[in-house]
Amino acid sequence: MNPELTMNKYQVLAQTYQVPASPPEERVFGILEEAGEVAGVFKRMLRGDYGPDIAAAKLIKELGDILWYVATVAADNDWTLEDVANTNLEKLASRKERNVILGSGDDR
């Protein structure tokens, strides 16, 4: 573990693993693919293929893959991960303040 790793440092390091000349759309589809793999971990645990401990070990890896894709999609748009995180927390704080945490849609 690297205790001095920040979200932005992670993002810079993550970009070093990007395949040269890969189009940004590939990374967007990567988020979708990895989200499906997260769902697959839960499905396999629910049907009894493995227990929660094994599922947790698999899940942390899949979430790391999603984080990599989010970091690179953000970089493709000249945003830092801290920009993305702060924007998300502002949105959530507004929803909480207006008592609309539950529901659907970004503009609630």
Protein backbone atom coordinates (compact mmCIF):
# COMPACT_ATOMS: atom_id res chain seq x y z
CA MET A 1 0.00 0.00 0.00
CA ASN A 2 1.02 3.55 -0.66
CA PRO A 3 -0.31 5.78 2.14
CA GLU A 4 0.65 8.92 0.23
CA LEU A 5 -1.37 7.99 -2.84
CA THR A 6 -3.98 10.63 -3.64
CA MET A 7 -6.74 10.34 -6.18
CA ASN A 8 -4.90 12.65 -8.55
CA LYS A 9 -1.61 10.77 -8.16
CA TYR A 10 -3.46 7.55 -8.89
CA GLN A 11 -4.93 9.12 -12.01
CA VAL A 12 -1.51 10.14 -13.32
CA LEU A 13 -0.09 6.68 -12.65
CA ALA A 14 -3.16 4.97 -14.15
CA GLN A 15 -2.63 6.80 -17.43
CA THR A 16 0.78 5.18 -17.82
CA TYR A 17 -1.02 1.86 -18.43
CA GLN A 18 -3.19 3.22 -21.21
CA VAL A 19 -2.72 1.60 -24.59
CA PRO A 20 -1.32 4.20 -27.00
CA ALA A 21 -3.75 5.34 -29.68
CA SER A 22 -6.77 3.70 -28.03
CA PRO A 23 -9.85 5.83 -28.60
CA PRO A 24 -11.65 7.39 -25.62
CA GLU A 25 -14.81 5.45 -26.46
CA GLU A 26 -12.96 2.23 -25.67
CA ARG A 27 -12.49 3.39 -22.10
CA VAL A 28 -16.16 4.33 -21.76
CA PHE A 29 -17.17 0.84 -22.86
CA GLY A 30 -14.58 -0.53 -20.44
CA ILE A 31 -16.53 0.98 -17.53
CA LEU A 32 -19.63 -0.85 -18.72
CA GLU A 33 -17.77 -4.12 -19.15
CA GLU A 34 -16.22 -3.96 -15.69
CA ALA A 35 -19.57 -3.04 -14.10
CA GLY A 36 -20.92 -6.25 -15.60
CA GLU A 37 -18.05 -8.15 -14.05
CA VAL A 38 -18.95 -6.69 -10.63
CA ALA A 39 -22.52 -7.93 -11.14
CA GLY A 40 -21.12 -11.33 -12.13
CA VAL A 41 -19.21 -11.60 -8.85
CA PHE A 42 -22.45 -11.06 -6.92
CA LYS A 43 -24.38 -13.46 -9.14
CA ARG A 44 -21.85 -16.23 -8.61
CA MET A 45 -21.80 -15.63 -4.87
CA LEU A 46 -25.61 -15.72 -4.68
CA ARG A 47 -25.82 -18.99 -6.57
CA GLY A 48 -23.17 -20.52 -4.33
CA ASP A 49 -20.12 -20.70 -6.59
CA TYR A 50 -18.06 -19.14 -3.79
CA GLY A 51 -18.52 -17.47 -0.44
CA PRO A 52 -18.34 -13.82 0.64
CA ASP A 53 -14.59 -13.92 1.32
CA ILE A 54 -13.75 -15.00 -2.21
CA ALA A 55 -16.34 -12.59 -3.61
CA ALA A 56 -14.74 -9.73 -1.67
CA ALA A 57 -11.29 -10.58 -3.07
CA LYS A 58 -12.71 -10.59 -6.60
CA LEU A 59 -14.81 -7.47 -6.04
CA ILE A 60 -11.91 -5.27 -4.94
CA LYS A 61 -10.06 -6.14 -8.15
CA GLU A 62 -13.08 -5.40 -10.35
CA LEU A 63 -13.69 -2.09 -8.55
CA GLY A 64 -10.03 -1.24 -9.18
CA ASP A 65 -10.59 -1.88 -12.89
CA ILE A 66 -13.60 0.46 -12.83
CA LEU A 67 -11.50 3.08 -11.03
CA TRP A 68 -8.85 2.83 -13.74
CA TYR A 69 -11.42 3.42 -16.46
CA VAL A 70 -13.04 6.31 -14.57
CA ALA A 71 -9.62 7.89 -14.06
CA THR A 72 -8.75 7.66 -17.75
CA VAL A 73 -12.17 8.85 -18.98
CA ALA A 74 -11.85 11.83 -16.63
CA ALA A 75 -8.35 12.53 -17.98
CA ASP A 76 -9.68 12.29 -21.54
CA ASN A 77 -11.94 15.21 -20.61
CA ASP A 78 -9.24 17.19 -18.76
CA TRP A 79 -10.81 16.53 -15.35
CA THR A 80 -9.01 15.24 -12.30
CA LEU A 81 -10.46 12.48 -10.15
CA GLU A 82 -10.72 15.06 -7.40
CA ASP A 83 -12.86 17.22 -9.73
CA VAL A 84 -15.14 14.24 -10.33
CA ALA A 85 -15.30 13.35 -6.63
CA ASN A 86 -16.01 16.92 -5.53
CA THR A 87 -18.73 17.35 -8.16
CA ASN A 88 -20.35 14.13 -7.00
CA LEU A 89 -20.22 15.12 -3.32
CA GLU A 90 -21.75 18.51 -4.14
CA LYS A 91 -24.58 16.79 -6.01
CA LEU A 92 -25.19 14.38 -3.13
CA ALA A 93 -25.10 17.17 -0.52
CA SER A 94 -27.70 19.09 -2.53
CA ARG A 95 -29.94 16.04 -2.73
CA LYS A 96 -29.61 15.42 1.00
CA GLU A 97 -30.38 19.05 1.78
CA ARG A 98 -33.49 18.90 -0.42
CA ASN A 99 -34.42 15.45 0.97
CA VAL A 100 -34.28 13.76 -2.45
CA ILE A 101 -31.54 11.19 -1.89
CA LEU A 102 -34.04 8.48 -2.82
CA GLY A 103 -35.55 8.51 -6.30
CA SER A 104 -34.13 8.49 -9.77
CA GLY A 105 -32.67 10.92 -12.25
CA ASP A 106 -29.70 13.26 -11.97
CA ASP A 107 -31.79 16.44 -11.78
CA ARG A 108 -33.98 15.51 -8.83
